[in-house]
PDB file of N, CA and C in Angstrom:
ATOM      1  N   MET A   1     119.496  73.409  52.535  1.00  0.00           N
ATOM      2  CA  MET A   1     118.955  72.220  51.868  1.00  0.00           C
ATOM      3  C   MET A   1     117.843  72.675  50.932  1.00  0.00           C
ATOM      4  N   ASN A   2     117.902  72.244  49.670  1.00  0.00           N
ATOM      5  CA  ASN A   2     116.835  72.625  48.755  1.00  0.00           C
ATOM      6  C   ASN A   2     115.722  71.575  48.760  1.00  0.00           C
ATOM      7  N   GLN A   3     114.664  71.865  48.023  1.00  0.00           N
ATOM      8  CA  GLN A   3     113.488  70.981  48.042  1.00  0.00           C
ATOM      9  C   GLN A   3     113.808  69.595  47.501  1.00  0.00           C
ATOM     10  N   GLN A   4     114.648  69.492  46.471  1.00  0.00           N
ATOM     11  CA  GLN A   4     114.982  68.176  45.921  1.00  0.00           C
ATOM     12  C   GLN A   4     115.729  67.324  46.941  1.00  0.00           C
ATOM     13  N   GLU A   5     116.630  67.909  47.710  1.00  0.00           N
ATOM     14  CA  GLU A   5     117.357  67.145  48.714  1.00  0.00           C
ATOM     15  C   GLU A   5     116.427  66.656  49.805  1.00  0.00           C
ATOM     16  N   SER A   6     115.464  67.494  50.222  1.00  0.00           N
ATOM     17  CA  SER A   6     114.559  67.081  51.289  1.00  0.00           C
ATOM     18  C   SER A   6     113.641  65.960  50.823  1.00  0.00           C
ATOM     19  N   VAL A   7     113.244  65.964  49.556  1.00  0.00           N
ATOM     20  CA  VAL A   7     112.402  64.888  49.028  1.00  0.00           C
ATOM     21  C   VAL A   7     113.195  63.593  48.960  1.00  0.00           C
ATOM     22  N   ALA A   8     114.479  63.673  48.565  1.00  0.00           N
ATOM     23  CA  ALA A   8     115.314  62.472  48.463  1.00  0.00           C
ATOM     24  C   ALA A   8     115.514  61.824  49.824  1.00  0.00           C
ATOM     25  N   GLU A   9     115.492  62.605  50.890  1.00  0.00           N
ATOM     26  CA  GLU A   9     115.715  62.077  52.224  1.00  0.00           C
ATOM     27  C   GLU A   9     114.422  61.690  52.927  1.00  0.00           C
ATOM     28  N   LYS A  10     113.288  61.934  52.295  1.00  0.00           N
ATOM     29  CA  LYS A  10     111.999  61.620  52.907  1.00  0.00           C
ATOM     30  C   LYS A  10     111.842  60.107  53.034  1.00  0.00           C
ATOM     31  N   PRO A  11     111.426  59.621  54.189  1.00  0.00           N
ATOM     32  CA  PRO A  11     111.236  58.172  54.362  1.00  0.00           C
ATOM     33  C   PRO A  11     110.174  57.638  53.399  1.00  0.00           C
ATOM     34  N   MET A  12     110.387  56.419  52.940  1.00  0.00           N
ATOM     35  CA  MET A  12     109.456  55.781  52.007  1.00  0.00           C
ATOM     36  C   MET A  12     108.580  54.784  52.763  1.00  0.00           C
ATOM     37  N   LYS A  13     107.353  54.627  52.283  1.00  0.00           N
ATOM     38  CA  LYS A  13     106.419  53.645  52.848  1.00  0.00           C
ATOM     39  C   LYS A  13     106.568  52.331  52.080  1.00  0.00           C
ATOM     40  N   VAL A  14     105.915  51.288  52.594  1.00  0.00           N
ATOM     41  CA  VAL A  14     105.985  49.960  51.954  1.00  0.00           C
ATOM     42  C   VAL A  14     105.561  50.052  50.491  1.00  0.00           C
ATOM     43  N   ARG A  15     104.477  50.739  50.207  1.00  0.00           N
ATOM     44  CA  ARG A  15     104.001  50.811  48.810  1.00  0.00           C
ATOM     45  C   ARG A  15     104.990  51.548  47.909  1.00  0.00           C
ATOM     46  N   ASP A  16     105.701  52.554  48.477  1.00  0.00           N
ATOM     47  CA  ASP A  16     106.713  53.271  47.699  1.00  0.00           C
ATOM     48  C   ASP A  16     107.888  52.354  47.363  1.00  0.00           C
ATOM     49  N   VAL A  17     108.308  51.570  48.342  1.00  0.00           N
ATOM     50  CA  VAL A  17     109.424  50.642  48.143  1.00  0.00           C
ATOM     51  C   VAL A  17     109.029  49.559  47.141  1.00  0.00           C
ATOM     52  N   ALA A  18     107.806  49.066  47.242  1.00  0.00           N
ATOM     53  CA  ALA A  18     107.330  48.045  46.306  1.00  0.00           C
ATOM     54  C   ALA A  18     107.385  48.576  44.870  1.00  0.00           C
ATOM     55  N   ALA A  19     106.930  49.798  44.671  1.00  0.00           N
ATOM     56  CA  ALA A  19     106.972  50.392  43.335  1.00  0.00           C
ATOM     57  C   ALA A  19     108.416  50.605  42.881  1.00  0.00           C
ATOM     58  N   TYR A  20     109.271  51.059  43.774  1.00  0.00           N
ATOM     59  CA  TYR A  20     110.680  51.306  43.462  1.00  0.00           C
ATOM     60  C   TYR A  20     111.398  50.017  43.061  1.00  0.00           C
ATOM     61  N   LEU A  21     111.098  48.923  43.763  1.00  0.00           N
ATOM     62  CA  LEU A  21     111.751  47.642  43.480  1.00  0.00           C
ATOM     63  C   LEU A  21     111.031  46.817  42.413  1.00  0.00           C
ATOM     64  N   GLY A  22     109.786  47.190  42.092  1.00  0.00           N
ATOM     65  CA  GLY A  22     109.015  46.433  41.107  1.00  0.00           C
ATOM     66  C   GLY A  22     108.486  45.120  41.649  1.00  0.00           C
ATOM     67  N   VAL A  23     108.127  45.114  42.930  1.00  0.00           N
ATOM     68  CA  VAL A  23     107.594  43.918  43.586  1.00  0.00           C
ATOM     69  C   VAL A  23     106.297  44.298  44.303  1.00  0.00           C
ATOM     70  N   SER A  24     105.649  43.318  44.906  1.00  0.00           N
ATOM     71  CA  SER A  24     104.404  43.591  45.631  1.00  0.00           C
ATOM     72  C   SER A  24     104.687  44.083  47.048  1.00  0.00           C
ATOM     73  N   GLY A  25     103.696  44.706  47.638  1.00  0.00           N
ATOM     74  CA  GLY A  25     103.805  45.131  49.025  1.00  0.00           C
ATOM     75  C   GLY A  25     103.999  43.946  49.956  1.00  0.00           C
ATOM     76  N   GLY A  26     103.373  42.830  49.647  1.00  0.00           N
ATOM     77  CA  GLY A  26     103.535  41.610  50.440  1.00  0.00           C
ATOM     78  C   GLY A  26     104.968  41.116  50.419  1.00  0.00           C
ATOM     79  N   TRP A  27     105.619  41.205  49.261  1.00  0.00           N
ATOM     80  CA  TRP A  27     107.021  40.794  49.161  1.00  0.00           C
ATOM     81  C   TRP A  27     107.879  41.661  50.068  1.00  0.00           C
ATOM     82  N   VAL A  28     107.636  42.967  50.034  1.00  0.00           N
ATOM     83  CA  VAL A  28     108.401  43.887  50.882  1.00  0.00           C
ATOM     84  C   VAL A  28     108.169  43.548  52.348  1.00  0.00           C
ATOM     85  N   ARG A  29     106.915  43.368  52.750  1.00  0.00           N
ATOM     86  CA  ARG A  29     106.616  43.044  54.148  1.00  0.00           C
ATOM     87  C   ARG A  29     107.272  41.731  54.569  1.00  0.00           C
ATOM     88  N   ASN A  30     107.262  40.740  53.702  1.00  0.00           N
ATOM     89  CA  ASN A  30     107.927  39.463  54.019  1.00  0.00           C
ATOM     90  C   ASN A  30     109.424  39.650  54.246  1.00  0.00           C
ATOM     91  N   HIS A  31     110.038  40.536  53.469  1.00  0.00           N
ATOM     92  CA  HIS A  31     111.483  40.719  53.557  1.00  0.00           C
ATOM     93  C   HIS A  31     111.904  41.725  54.624  1.00  0.00           C
ATOM     94  N   ILE A  32     110.945  42.220  55.391  1.00  0.00           N
ATOM     95  CA  ILE A  32     111.319  42.996  56.577  1.00  0.00           C
ATOM     96  C   ILE A  32     110.988  42.225  57.850  1.00  0.00           C
ATOM     97  N   THR A  33     110.322  41.085  57.696  1.00  0.00           N
ATOM     98  CA  THR A  33     109.938  40.336  58.889  1.00  0.00           C
ATOM     99  C   THR A  33     110.556  38.950  58.963  1.00  0.00           C
ATOM    100  N   LYS A  34     110.547  38.183  57.863  1.00  0.00           N
ATOM    101  CA  LYS A  34     110.947  36.786  58.006  1.00  0.00           C
ATOM    102  C   LYS A  34     111.799  36.206  56.893  1.00  0.00           C
ATOM    103  N   LYS A  35     111.841  36.811  55.733  1.00  0.00           N
ATOM    104  CA  LYS A  35     112.582  36.208  54.630  1.00  0.00           C
ATOM    105  C   LYS A  35     113.907  36.916  54.405  1.00  0.00           C
ATOM    106  N   LYS A  36     114.867  36.146  53.947  1.00  0.00           N
ATOM    107  CA  LYS A  36     116.184  36.682  53.615  1.00  0.00           C
ATOM    108  C   LYS A  36     116.219  36.968  52.121  1.00  0.00           C
ATOM    109  N   PRO A  37     116.920  37.952  51.645  1.00  0.00           N
ATOM    110  CA  PRO A  37     117.644  38.950  52.435  1.00  0.00           C
ATOM    111  C   PRO A  37     116.685  39.969  53.050  1.00  0.00           C
ATOM    112  N   MET A  38     117.046  40.445  54.223  1.00  0.00           N
ATOM    113  CA  MET A  38     116.223  41.424  54.922  1.00  0.00           C
ATOM    114  C   MET A  38     116.453  42.810  54.317  1.00  0.00           C
ATOM    115  N   ILE A  39     115.362  43.494  54.001  1.00  0.00           N
ATOM    116  CA  ILE A  39     115.456  44.855  53.475  1.00  0.00           C
ATOM    117  C   ILE A  39     115.729  45.792  54.650  1.00  0.00           C
ATOM    118  N   PRO A  40     116.711  46.674  54.526  1.00  0.00           N
ATOM    119  CA  PRO A  40     116.984  47.605  55.620  1.00  0.00           C
ATOM    120  C   PRO A  40     115.793  48.547  55.835  1.00  0.00           C
ATOM    121  N   HIS A  41     115.397  48.695  57.078  1.00  0.00           N
ATOM    122  CA  HIS A  41     114.226  49.511  57.390  1.00  0.00           C
ATOM    123  C   HIS A  41     114.346  50.085  58.787  1.00  0.00           C
ATOM    124  N   THR A  42     113.480  51.036  59.070  1.00  0.00           N
ATOM    125  CA  THR A  42     113.401  51.642  60.388  1.00  0.00           C
ATOM    126  C   THR A  42     111.992  51.430  60.899  1.00  0.00           C
ATOM    127  N   ARG A  43     111.881  50.939  62.114  1.00  0.00           N
ATOM    128  CA  ARG A  43     110.563  50.688  62.705  1.00  0.00           C
ATOM    129  C   ARG A  43     110.400  51.582  63.939  1.00  0.00           C
ATOM    130  N   ILE A  44     109.290  52.303  63.961  1.00  0.00           N
ATOM    131  CA  ILE A  44     108.924  53.115  65.119  1.00  0.00           C
ATOM    132  C   ILE A  44     107.547  52.616  65.537  1.00  0.00           C
ATOM    133  N   GLY A  45     107.523  51.772  66.552  1.00  0.00           N
ATOM    134  CA  GLY A  45     106.269  51.114  66.914  1.00  0.00           C
ATOM    135  C   GLY A  45     105.860  50.184  65.793  1.00  0.00           C
ATOM    136  N   ARG A  46     104.670  50.388  65.252  1.00  0.00           N
ATOM    137  CA  ARG A  46     104.194  49.559  64.140  1.00  0.00           C
ATOM    138  C   ARG A  46     104.458  50.197  62.780  1.00  0.00           C
ATOM    139  N   VAL A  47     104.987  51.402  62.784  1.00  0.00           N
ATOM    140  CA  VAL A  47     105.251  52.127  61.547  1.00  0.00           C
ATOM    141  C   VAL A  47     106.618  51.725  61.002  1.00  0.00           C
ATOM    142  N   VAL A  48     106.649  51.369  59.715  1.00  0.00           N
ATOM    143  CA  VAL A  48     107.895  50.959  59.066  1.00  0.00           C
ATOM    144  C   VAL A  48     108.194  51.959  57.956  1.00  0.00           C
ATOM    145  N   ARG A  49     109.425  52.444  57.934  1.00  0.00           N
ATOM    146  CA  ARG A  49     109.853  53.364  56.892  1.00  0.00           C
ATOM    147  C   ARG A  49     111.206  52.934  56.354  1.00  0.00           C
ATOM    148  N   PHE A  50     111.482  53.370  55.130  1.00  0.00           N
ATOM    149  CA  PHE A  50     112.701  53.002  54.424  1.00  0.00           C
ATOM    150  C   PHE A  50     113.365  54.276  53.914  1.00  0.00           C
ATOM    151  N   TYR A  51     114.683  54.228  53.781  1.00  0.00           N
ATOM    152  CA  TYR A  51     115.433  55.360  53.251  1.00  0.00           C
ATOM    153  C   TYR A  51     116.133  54.934  51.971  1.00  0.00           C
ATOM    154  N   LYS A  52     116.023  55.768  50.951  1.00  0.00           N
ATOM    155  CA  LYS A  52     116.518  55.429  49.622  1.00  0.00           C
ATOM    156  C   LYS A  52     118.001  55.054  49.592  1.00  0.00           C
ATOM    157  N   PRO A  53     118.899  55.776  50.284  1.00  0.00           N
ATOM    158  CA  PRO A  53     120.314  55.353  50.240  1.00  0.00           C
ATOM    159  C   PRO A  53     120.517  53.920  50.751  1.00  0.00           C
ATOM    160  N   GLU A  54     119.760  53.526  51.771  1.00  0.00           N
ATOM    161  CA  GLU A  54     119.870  52.153  52.288  1.00  0.00           C
ATOM    162  C   GLU A  54     119.325  51.148  51.275  1.00  0.00           C
ATOM    163  N   LEU A  55     118.252  51.523  50.576  1.00  0.00           N
ATOM    164  CA  LEU A  55     117.697  50.633  49.547  1.00  0.00           C
ATOM    165  C   LEU A  55     118.674  50.480  48.384  1.00  0.00           C
ATOM    166  N   GLU A  56     119.338  51.579  48.010  1.00  0.00           N
ATOM    167  CA  GLU A  56     120.314  51.504  46.925  1.00  0.00           C
ATOM    168  C   GLU A  56     121.490  50.606  47.296  1.00  0.00           C
ATOM    169  N   ALA A  57     121.924  50.666  48.552  1.00  0.00           N
ATOM    170  CA  ALA A  57     122.996  49.772  49.011  1.00  0.00           C
ATOM    171  C   ALA A  57     122.520  48.322  48.996  1.00  0.00           C
ATOM    172  N   PHE A  58     121.267  48.092  49.400  1.00  0.00           N
ATOM    173  CA  PHE A  58     120.668  46.757  49.377  1.00  0.00           C
ATOM    174  C   PHE A  58     120.665  46.217  47.942  1.00  0.00           C
ATOM    175  N   LEU A  59     120.247  47.048  46.985  1.00  0.00           N
ATOM    176  CA  LEU A  59     120.221  46.620  45.585  1.00  0.00           C
ATOM    177  C   LEU A  59     121.620  46.356  45.055  1.00  0.00           C
ATOM    178  N   ALA A  60     122.578  47.169  45.455  1.00  0.00           N
ATOM    179  CA  ALA A  60     123.952  46.954  45.005  1.00  0.00           C
ATOM    180  C   ALA A  60     124.475  45.610  45.489  1.00  0.00           C
ATOM    181  N   LYS A  61     124.064  45.212  46.686  1.00  0.00           N
ATOM    182  CA  LYS A  61     124.542  43.955  47.236  1.00  0.00           C
ATOM    183  C   LYS A  61     123.767  42.750  46.712  1.00  0.00           C
ATOM    184  N   TYR A  62     122.434  42.864  46.621  1.00  0.00           N
ATOM    185  CA  TYR A  62     121.604  41.707  46.291  1.00  0.00           C
ATOM    186  C   TYR A  62     120.945  41.762  44.919  1.00  0.00           C
ATOM    187  N   GLY A  63     120.970  42.907  44.281  1.00  0.00           N
ATOM    188  CA  GLY A  63     120.275  43.058  43.002  1.00  0.00           C
ATOM    189  C   GLY A  63     120.949  42.283  41.896  1.00  0.00           C
ATOM    190  N   VAL A  64     120.158  41.804  40.969  1.00  0.00           N
ATOM    191  CA  VAL A  64     120.675  41.094  39.805  1.00  0.00           C
ATOM    192  C   VAL A  64     120.139  41.793  38.574  1.00  0.00           C
ATOM    193  N   ARG A  65     121.027  42.207  37.701  1.00  0.00           N
ATOM    194  CA  ARG A  65     120.605  42.884  36.472  1.00  0.00           C
ATOM    195  C   ARG A  65     120.468  41.850  35.364  1.00  0.00           C
ATOM    196  N   ASP A  66     119.406  42.003  34.595  1.00  0.00           N
ATOM    197  CA  ASP A  66     119.180  41.113  33.460  1.00  0.00           C
ATOM    198  C   ASP A  66     119.973  41.658  32.276  1.00  0.00           C
ATOM    199  N   GLU A  67     121.057  41.012  31.943  1.00  0.00           N
ATOM    200  CA  GLU A  67     121.943  41.470  30.873  1.00  0.00           C
ATOM    201  C   GLU A  67     121.320  41.258  29.493  1.00  0.00           C
ATOM    202  N   ALA A  68     120.316  40.408  29.383  1.00  0.00           N
ATOM    203  CA  ALA A  68     119.687  40.129  28.093  1.00  0.00           C
ATOM    204  C   ALA A  68     118.801  41.273  27.637  1.00  0.00           C
ATOM    205  N   ALA A  69     118.344  42.095  28.562  1.00  0.00           N
ATOM    206  CA  ALA A  69     117.409  43.181  28.218  1.00  0.00           C
ATOM    207  C   ALA A  69     118.100  44.330  27.550  1.00  0.00           C
TER     208      ALA A  69
END
């Protein structure tokens, strides 16, 4: 495994996901606890982490592209 592959598989934090999706950290937290659609995540105790392949699948299913841009 090279360094680029290990970085791609590194778990993301809430702030990383917020930046990746272009939303606030509060939006991300809401969508892992109570709002639909639920963002796929992994919870270990109080620690929440996300994996990029799961986020990409989430975007493929729920994402909407602005065709006007």
